[in-house]
Amino acid sequence: MQILGIEEIEQLLDDIRIRVLEANRRGDLDKLLSSLGMHDLIEPQAQFGSRDGKIVVLGASDVHEDHLLAIAGKLGLDKNRFEFCLDYEAIQKYNFRKLQYSDKYRVVLVGPMPHSTAGTNDSGSAIADMEKHSELYPRIIRLTAGKNLKITKSGFKETLDSLVAENYI
């Protein structure tokens, strides 16, 4: 095993610092730390909301809000924790910025939505913007059926089950 000198250690630490800063800016700090066996150093999106914070569900849905709340209730989740915007046209006017840096929100579950929404900045869609700027938003989870974004009863239940099992919500 090679022993490094002080100058070599300082250069190595500078290189690591740059890689950590770049990964954080890209939103893949968790991937970098995992690859280094250091994933325990941070909890993804831990700075947003407490375990019992709001759960936001955004996306056009054929499943009615009452049905989704019934599923949440059966899982023991308080119905008052949920905030829904399930209308395609209402999503275009949804204020995504209210989710930024907010301790009120824990997770955002997203389904299909228009590409043209308020606050997408330089991204092609609100979902892409939230994922690209993950340091600004609570944890984002795509609700899918197959490969397509879709809010279904089973997908919603599976996602909530997973978050409960993970002790995230």
Protein backbone atom coordinates (compact mmCIF):
# COMPACT_ATOMS: atom_id res chain seq x y z
CA MET A 1 0.00 0.00 0.00
CA GLN A 2 1.29 3.41 -0.96
CA ILE A 3 1.47 6.22 1.61
CA LEU A 4 0.75 9.67 0.20
CA GLY A 5 2.50 12.88 1.17
CA ILE A 6 0.73 15.99 2.47
CA GLU A 7 0.67 17.69 -0.96
CA GLU A 8 -0.75 14.56 -2.60
CA ILE A 9 -3.43 14.24 0.11
CA GLU A 10 -4.37 17.92 -0.33
CA GLN A 11 -4.68 17.46 -4.12
CA LEU A 12 -6.79 14.32 -3.61
CA LEU A 13 -9.08 16.15 -1.16
CA ASP A 14 -9.44 19.06 -3.62
CA ASP A 15 -10.41 16.60 -6.38
CA ILE A 16 -12.93 14.86 -4.10
CA ARG A 17 -14.40 18.22 -3.05
CA ILE A 18 -14.91 19.21 -6.70
CA ARG A 19 -16.58 15.88 -7.52
CA VAL A 20 -18.90 16.18 -4.50
CA LEU A 21 -19.89 19.74 -5.43
CA GLU A 22 -20.54 18.76 -9.07
CA ALA A 23 -22.57 15.70 -8.06
CA ASN A 24 -24.61 17.80 -5.64
CA ARG A 25 -25.32 20.38 -8.38
CA ARG A 26 -26.42 17.60 -10.78
CA GLY A 27 -28.58 15.97 -8.11
CA ASP A 28 -26.58 12.70 -7.99
CA LEU A 29 -24.74 13.16 -4.72
CA ASP A 30 -26.45 10.05 -3.37
CA LYS A 31 -25.12 8.03 -6.32
CA LEU A 32 -21.57 9.30 -5.84
CA LEU A 33 -21.61 8.61 -2.12
CA SER A 34 -23.10 5.16 -2.67
CA SER A 35 -20.36 4.32 -5.18
CA LEU A 36 -17.83 5.29 -2.50
CA GLY A 37 -19.60 3.24 0.17
CA MET A 38 -20.57 6.44 1.98
CA HIS A 39 -24.34 6.51 1.37
CA ASP A 40 -24.95 6.65 5.12
CA LEU A 41 -23.55 10.21 5.25
CA ILE A 42 -26.74 11.78 3.92
CA GLU A 43 -30.39 10.89 3.76
CA PRO A 44 -31.80 11.97 0.36
CA GLN A 45 -33.98 15.05 0.70
CA ALA A 46 -33.79 14.88 4.51
CA GLN A 47 -33.91 18.66 4.69
CA PHE A 48 -37.54 18.69 3.51
CA GLY A 49 -40.38 18.04 5.85
CA SER A 50 -40.71 15.67 8.70
CA ARG A 51 -41.78 12.05 8.39
CA ASP A 52 -45.38 13.18 8.98
CA GLY A 53 -45.25 16.05 6.46
CA LYS A 54 -47.64 16.64 3.54
CA ILE A 55 -47.88 14.17 0.67
CA VAL A 56 -48.63 15.96 -2.60
CA VAL A 57 -50.22 14.09 -5.51
CA LEU A 58 -50.00 15.89 -8.87
CA GLY A 59 -51.17 14.63 -12.22
CA ALA A 60 -54.20 14.03 -14.36
CA SER A 61 -56.09 11.07 -13.00
CA ASP A 62 -59.19 9.03 -13.75
CA VAL A 63 -59.05 7.84 -10.14
CA HIS A 64 -61.06 10.17 -7.92
CA GLU A 65 -59.42 11.84 -4.94
CA ASP A 66 -61.85 10.09 -2.56
CA HIS A 67 -60.66 6.68 -3.76
CA LEU A 68 -57.02 7.65 -3.25
CA LEU A 69 -57.81 8.96 0.25
CA ALA A 70 -59.58 5.68 1.08
CA ILE A 71 -56.43 3.77 0.07
CA ALA A 72 -54.30 6.06 2.25
CA GLY A 73 -56.70 5.63 5.15
CA LYS A 74 -56.51 1.84 4.91
CA LEU A 75 -52.73 2.16 5.22
CA GLY A 76 -53.16 4.16 8.42
CA LEU A 77 -52.18 7.49 6.88
CA ASP A 78 -54.02 10.63 7.99
CA LYS A 79 -56.13 11.94 5.12
CA ASN A 80 -55.29 15.52 6.13
CA ARG A 81 -51.67 14.93 5.11
CA PHE A 82 -52.62 14.76 1.44
CA GLU A 83 -52.81 17.58 -1.07
CA PHE A 84 -54.15 16.78 -4.53
CA CYS A 85 -54.13 18.48 -7.92
CA LEU A 86 -55.60 15.87 -10.27
CA ASP A 87 -57.11 18.09 -12.96
CA TYR A 88 -55.05 18.43 -16.13
CA GLU A 89 -55.94 22.09 -16.65
CA ALA A 90 -55.48 23.03 -12.97
CA ILE A 91 -51.97 21.56 -13.08
CA GLN A 92 -51.02 24.13 -15.72
CA LYS A 93 -51.58 26.84 -13.10
CA TYR A 94 -50.26 24.90 -10.09
CA ASN A 95 -47.73 26.87 -8.03
CA PHE A 96 -44.76 24.48 -8.00
CA ARG A 97 -42.60 27.08 -6.26
CA LYS A 98 -44.55 26.63 -3.03
CA LEU A 99 -42.92 23.18 -2.79
CA GLN A 100 -39.41 24.64 -2.85
CA TYR A 101 -37.49 24.57 0.44
CA SER A 102 -40.70 23.92 2.35
CA ASP A 103 -40.68 22.00 5.62
CA LYS A 104 -44.41 21.46 5.13
CA TYR A 105 -44.01 18.90 2.32
CA ARG A 106 -42.40 15.45 2.58
CA VAL A 107 -42.91 13.84 -0.83
CA VAL A 108 -44.46 14.66 -4.20
CA LEU A 109 -46.10 11.83 -6.16
CA VAL A 110 -46.40 12.78 -9.83
CA GLY A 111 -48.50 11.43 -12.65
CA PRO A 112 -49.18 12.69 -16.17
CA MET A 113 -49.23 16.44 -16.59
CA PRO A 114 -48.94 19.01 -19.36
CA HIS A 115 -45.46 19.99 -20.47
CA SER A 116 -46.45 23.64 -20.35
CA THR A 117 -46.87 24.49 -16.69
CA ALA A 118 -45.93 27.55 -14.68
CA GLY A 119 -42.45 27.47 -13.15
CA THR A 120 -40.70 24.93 -15.37
CA ASN A 121 -37.71 27.26 -15.79
CA ASP A 122 -35.33 25.83 -18.41
CA SER A 123 -36.70 22.28 -18.24
CA GLY A 124 -39.13 20.62 -20.62
CA SER A 125 -41.70 19.90 -17.90
CA ALA A 126 -42.45 20.52 -14.23
CA ILE A 127 -41.43 16.94 -13.40
CA ALA A 128 -38.10 17.32 -15.19
CA ASP A 129 -37.51 20.66 -13.45
CA MET A 130 -38.20 19.20 -9.99
CA GLU A 131 -35.92 16.24 -10.69
CA LYS A 132 -33.21 18.44 -12.18
CA HIS A 133 -33.31 20.75 -9.16
CA SER A 134 -33.81 18.09 -6.51
CA GLU A 135 -32.02 20.23 -3.94
CA LEU A 136 -34.98 22.65 -4.07
CA TYR A 137 -37.84 20.16 -3.77
CA PRO A 138 -39.05 17.36 -1.53
CA ARG A 139 -38.53 13.82 -2.80
CA ILE A 140 -40.21 13.26 -6.19
CA ILE A 141 -41.68 9.88 -7.11
CA ARG A 142 -43.17 9.13 -10.52
CA LEU A 143 -46.41 7.12 -10.46
CA THR A 144 -46.40 4.79 -13.44
CA ALA A 145 -48.30 1.98 -15.05
CA GLY A 146 -45.85 0.10 -17.24
CA LYS A 147 -43.50 2.73 -18.62
CA ASN A 148 -46.08 5.51 -18.72
CA LEU A 149 -46.89 8.10 -16.11
CA LYS A 150 -50.30 7.16 -14.71
CA ILE A 151 -52.07 7.40 -11.39
CA THR A 152 -53.74 4.08 -10.64
CA LYS A 153 -55.15 2.71 -7.40
CA SER A 154 -52.64 -0.14 -7.34
CA GLY A 155 -49.66 2.08 -8.22
CA PHE A 156 -50.67 4.62 -5.58
CA LYS A 157 -51.04 1.90 -2.93
CA GLU A 158 -47.73 0.25 -3.85
CA THR A 159 -45.91 3.58 -3.67
CA LEU A 160 -47.39 4.45 -0.29
CA ASP A 161 -46.67 0.91 0.97
CA SER A 162 -43.05 1.31 -0.10
CA LEU A 163 -42.70 4.72 1.58
CA VAL A 164 -44.24 3.40 4.80
CA ALA A 165 -41.96 0.32 4.74
CA GLU A 166 -38.98 2.62 4.19
CA ASN A 167 -40.18 4.64 7.23
CA TYR A 168 -40.13 7.74 5.02
CA ILE A 169 -43.77 8.66 5.70
